[in-house]
Amino acid sequence: MSATTQLHAAVDDQKVVAVITEALRSIQFGAVEITLHNGQVVQIERKEKIRFQPPTRAS
């Protein structure tokens, strides 16, 4: 791998890590799925669940 290719891969890796980090930070309930092809991240899916709490009853 040439120095230019390594630099390009490092920049791509940083972007992938940033996207995964943001997906994890911005989700409360759900899942983050990372899909790989030949050892490379090709897709990141965020499946978010929105949960509602039932109203509390006054005693």
Protein backbone atom coordinates (compact mmCIF):
# COMPACT_ATOMS: atom_id res chain seq x y z
CA MET A 1 0.00 0.00 0.00
CA SER A 2 1.47 3.39 -1.00
CA ALA A 3 1.69 6.35 1.38
CA THR A 4 -1.10 8.12 -0.51
CA THR A 5 -3.34 5.05 -0.30
CA GLN A 6 -2.59 4.70 3.42
CA LEU A 7 -3.44 8.38 4.00
CA HIS A 8 -6.69 8.01 2.04
CA ALA A 9 -7.58 4.88 4.06
CA ALA A 10 -6.82 6.71 7.34
CA VAL A 11 -9.10 9.60 6.36
CA ASP A 12 -11.87 7.16 5.40
CA ASP A 13 -11.39 5.28 8.69
CA GLN A 14 -11.70 8.55 10.62
CA LYS A 15 -14.93 9.38 8.79
CA VAL A 16 -16.36 5.91 9.48
CA VAL A 17 -15.48 6.18 13.17
CA ALA A 18 -17.05 9.65 13.31
CA VAL A 19 -20.30 8.40 11.73
CA ILE A 20 -20.48 5.40 14.08
CA THR A 21 -19.76 7.62 17.10
CA GLU A 22 -22.52 10.06 16.10
CA ALA A 23 -24.98 7.20 15.54
CA LEU A 24 -24.25 5.87 19.03
CA ARG A 25 -24.45 9.28 20.70
CA SER A 26 -27.74 10.22 19.11
CA ILE A 27 -29.70 7.05 19.87
CA GLN A 28 -31.44 6.18 23.15
CA PHE A 29 -33.17 2.91 22.32
CA GLY A 30 -32.42 0.78 19.28
CA ALA A 31 -29.47 -0.65 17.38
CA VAL A 32 -26.56 0.43 15.22
CA GLU A 33 -25.69 -2.16 12.57
CA ILE A 34 -22.37 -2.04 10.69
CA THR A 35 -22.12 -3.99 7.44
CA LEU A 36 -18.70 -5.04 6.10
CA HIS A 37 -17.61 -6.27 2.69
CA ASN A 38 -14.06 -7.56 2.25
CA GLY A 39 -13.11 -6.04 5.59
CA GLN A 40 -14.39 -2.56 4.66
CA VAL A 41 -17.39 -0.80 6.18
CA VAL A 42 -19.94 -0.39 3.40
CA GLN A 43 -23.07 0.52 5.35
CA ILE A 44 -24.15 1.80 8.74
CA GLU A 45 -27.80 1.47 9.78
CA ARG A 46 -29.37 3.06 12.80
CA LYS A 47 -32.66 1.56 13.94
CA GLU A 48 -34.21 3.77 16.56
CA LYS A 49 -37.10 3.01 18.85
CA ILE A 50 -39.11 5.76 20.42
CA ARG A 51 -40.63 4.74 23.72
CA PHE A 52 -43.39 6.48 25.61
CA GLN A 53 -43.91 6.16 29.35
CA PRO A 54 -47.50 5.65 30.49
CA PRO A 55 -48.78 8.60 32.54
CA THR A 56 -48.34 8.16 36.26
CA ARG A 57 -51.49 8.04 38.36
CA ALA A 58 -51.85 10.41 41.27
CA SER A 59 -52.49 8.59 44.55
